[in-house]
């Protein structure tokens, strides 16, 4: 029986490309991958890029967060110091105004006419030959207009008496 041989004297079903594989066909395949395989490879590359991009974004976010944390405390301290400085400046301005008022008052006390006026007002001094009258007690309240509601009676006496009088006034008021 004569044996049929393929290319280069090999038996059919064997080839150089498929020499070590079982069931390999003798047909030679091209090196280009089938379209399904190309799509799978591209999808894997895109996933790898996305993963890389995600990892880069995570590293960037971590770096930004660490910078923000590093800056946060000094920034908080700086803001507190700015607020303290502004309040101290306002306090300094108020103190300077008070000092100016005291200096003006000191200048007024250098004037003999002002001293005389204050002695009359505060100490009730009079010049020789003048008569001083001092009115004791509180001034009477002015009467209300005719259309106004009548005023409540004055509450006088110790605290417990005034408390009881206010209870009586509240009970007697019209509703």
Protein backbone atom coordinates (compact mmCIF):
# COMPACT_ATOMS: atom_id res chain seq x y z
CA UNK A 1 0.00 0.00 0.00
CA UNK A 2 1.28 3.22 -0.95
CA UNK A 3 1.36 5.94 1.59
CA UNK A 4 0.15 9.30 0.69
CA UNK A 5 2.28 12.07 1.87
CA UNK A 6 1.65 15.75 2.29
CA UNK A 7 4.01 18.62 1.82
CA UNK A 8 7.65 17.78 2.36
CA UNK A 9 6.93 14.12 2.81
CA UNK A 10 4.89 14.42 5.95
CA UNK A 11 1.86 12.33 6.54
CA UNK A 12 -1.45 14.07 6.07
CA UNK A 13 -2.77 15.84 9.14
CA UNK A 14 0.68 16.88 10.30
CA UNK A 15 2.36 20.13 9.59
CA UNK A 16 5.16 22.17 10.91
CA UNK A 17 2.80 24.56 12.70
CA UNK A 18 0.75 21.83 14.27
CA UNK A 19 3.45 19.22 14.80
CA UNK A 20 3.05 19.04 18.55
CA UNK A 21 -0.71 19.46 18.77
CA UNK A 22 -3.29 16.78 18.45
CA UNK A 23 -6.03 17.29 15.98
CA UNK A 24 -4.41 20.28 14.32
CA UNK A 25 -5.43 20.79 10.78
CA UNK A 26 -3.00 21.01 8.02
CA UNK A 27 -4.35 24.39 7.01
CA UNK A 28 -2.08 27.25 7.83
CA UNK A 29 -3.64 30.12 9.79
CA UNK A 30 -2.85 33.78 9.45
CA UNK A 31 -1.21 35.65 12.30
CA UNK A 32 -4.01 38.22 12.58
CA UNK A 33 -6.42 37.49 15.45
CA UNK A 34 -10.08 37.03 14.72
CA UNK A 35 -12.32 40.12 15.24
CA UNK A 36 -13.80 38.78 18.48
CA UNK A 37 -10.35 38.38 19.96
CA UNK A 38 -9.37 41.94 18.87
CA UNK A 39 -12.45 43.39 20.60
CA UNK A 40 -11.65 41.48 23.79
CA UNK A 41 -8.04 42.71 23.74
CA UNK A 42 -9.16 46.32 23.17
CA UNK A 43 -11.72 46.06 25.98
CA UNK A 44 -9.04 44.77 28.31
CA UNK A 45 -6.77 47.67 27.31
CA UNK A 46 -9.56 50.16 27.97
CA UNK A 47 -10.22 48.57 31.35
CA UNK A 48 -6.51 48.76 32.11
CA UNK A 49 -6.46 52.45 31.12
CA UNK A 50 -9.54 53.13 33.24
CA UNK A 51 -7.99 51.29 36.15
CA UNK A 52 -4.79 53.23 35.67
CA UNK A 53 -6.75 56.45 35.40
CA UNK A 54 -8.73 55.55 38.49
CA UNK A 55 -5.58 54.71 40.39
CA UNK A 56 -4.01 57.98 39.26
CA UNK A 57 -7.12 59.86 40.29
CA UNK A 58 -7.08 58.15 43.68
CA UNK A 59 -3.44 59.09 44.20
CA UNK A 60 -4.17 62.67 43.12
CA UNK A 61 -7.19 62.86 45.44
CA UNK A 62 -5.11 61.48 48.30
CA UNK A 63 -2.38 64.05 47.62
CA UNK A 64 -4.90 66.90 47.48
CA UNK A 65 -6.56 65.71 50.69
CA UNK A 66 -3.23 65.55 52.49
CA UNK A 67 -2.33 69.05 51.29
CA UNK A 68 -5.74 70.33 52.41
CA UNK A 69 -5.26 68.75 55.83
CA UNK A 70 -1.77 70.19 56.09
CA UNK A 71 -3.08 73.67 55.24
CA UNK A 72 -6.32 73.53 57.27
CA UNK A 73 -4.89 73.99 60.76
CA UNK A 74 -2.53 76.87 59.90
CA UNK A 75 -5.37 78.53 57.97
CA UNK A 76 -7.69 78.19 60.97
CA UNK A 77 -5.05 79.67 63.24
CA UNK A 78 -4.44 82.50 60.76
CA UNK A 79 -8.18 83.32 60.65
CA UNK A 80 -8.38 83.31 64.45
CA UNK A 81 -5.37 85.61 64.68
CA UNK A 82 -6.87 87.99 62.09
CA UNK A 83 -10.07 88.15 64.14
CA UNK A 84 -8.13 88.77 67.33
CA UNK A 85 -6.08 91.48 65.64
CA UNK A 86 -9.19 93.27 64.39
CA UNK A 87 -10.84 93.10 67.82
CA UNK A 88 -7.67 94.43 69.45
CA UNK A 89 -7.52 97.25 66.91
CA UNK A 90 -11.14 98.15 67.70
CA UNK A 91 -10.35 98.04 71.42
CA UNK A 92 -7.30 100.28 70.84
CA UNK A 93 -9.43 102.81 68.94
CA UNK A 94 -11.99 102.83 71.77
CA UNK A 95 -9.25 103.34 74.35
CA UNK A 96 -7.74 106.18 72.31
CA UNK A 97 -11.13 107.89 72.15
CA UNK A 98 -11.50 107.47 75.91
CA UNK A 99 -8.04 108.96 76.45
CA UNK A 100 -8.96 111.92 74.23
CA UNK A 101 -12.15 112.48 76.24
CA UNK A 102 -10.17 112.39 79.48
CA UNK A 103 -7.65 114.87 78.08
CA UNK A 104 -10.49 117.21 77.08
CA UNK A 105 -11.99 116.87 80.54
CA UNK A 106 -8.61 117.64 82.08
CA UNK A 107 -8.36 120.79 79.95
CA UNK A 108 -11.83 121.85 81.09
CA UNK A 109 -10.80 121.42 84.72
CA UNK A 110 -7.97 123.87 84.08
CA UNK A 111 -10.59 126.59 83.44
CA UNK A 112 -11.67 128.44 86.66
CA UNK A 113 -15.17 129.13 85.25
CA UNK A 114 -15.76 125.39 84.73
CA UNK A 115 -14.58 124.66 88.27
CA UNK A 116 -17.01 127.25 89.63
CA UNK A 117 -19.86 125.82 87.55
CA UNK A 118 -19.17 122.27 88.80
CA UNK A 119 -18.92 123.43 92.41
CA UNK A 120 -22.36 125.06 92.11
CA UNK A 121 -23.89 122.06 90.35
CA UNK A 122 -22.36 119.15 92.24
CA UNK A 123 -21.60 120.59 95.68
CA UNK A 124 -24.33 123.27 95.83
CA UNK A 125 -21.81 126.00 96.58
CA UNK A 126 -22.89 129.62 96.28
CA UNK A 127 -21.02 132.85 96.06
CA UNK A 128 -21.10 135.14 99.08
CA UNK A 129 -24.40 137.04 99.19
CA UNK A 130 -26.37 134.49 97.09
CA UNK A 131 -29.14 132.28 98.45
CA UNK A 132 -29.41 128.63 97.49
CA UNK A 133 -32.71 126.77 97.37
CA UNK A 134 -32.76 123.01 97.19
CA UNK A 135 -35.99 121.23 96.31
CA UNK A 136 -36.27 117.85 97.98
CA UNK A 137 -38.29 114.91 96.69
CA UNK A 138 -39.17 113.78 93.23
CA UNK A 139 -40.84 116.07 90.77
CA UNK A 140 -44.53 115.35 90.23
CA UNK A 141 -45.36 113.63 86.95
CA UNK A 142 -47.03 115.72 84.31
CA UNK A 143 -50.75 115.15 83.91
CA UNK A 144 -51.87 113.15 80.94
CA UNK A 145 -54.13 114.47 78.20
CA UNK A 146 -57.89 114.25 78.69
CA UNK A 147 -58.35 111.39 76.21
CA UNK A 148 -55.58 109.27 77.74
CA UNK A 149 -56.30 106.32 80.00
CA UNK A 150 -56.02 106.94 83.73
CA UNK A 151 -52.66 106.01 85.17
CA UNK A 152 -52.25 103.21 87.69
CA UNK A 153 -51.76 104.18 91.34
CA UNK A 154 -48.15 104.37 92.43
CA UNK A 155 -46.75 101.26 94.04
CA UNK A 156 -44.86 102.20 97.22
CA UNK A 157 -43.49 100.49 100.29
CA UNK A 158 -41.24 97.51 100.90
CA UNK A 159 -40.85 94.84 98.25
CA UNK A 160 -43.46 92.50 99.68
CA UNK A 161 -45.98 95.33 99.91
CA UNK A 162 -45.25 96.38 96.32
CA UNK A 163 -45.62 92.77 95.19
CA UNK A 164 -49.03 92.49 96.83
CA UNK A 165 -50.11 95.85 95.38
CA UNK A 166 -49.19 94.73 91.87
CA UNK A 167 -51.28 91.58 92.36
CA UNK A 168 -54.22 93.71 93.48
CA UNK A 169 -53.81 96.11 90.54
CA UNK A 170 -53.64 93.22 88.10
CA UNK A 171 -56.81 91.71 89.56
CA UNK A 172 -58.67 95.02 89.42
CA UNK A 173 -57.80 95.81 85.79
CA UNK A 174 -60.59 95.74 83.20
CA UNK A 175 -60.62 93.01 80.65
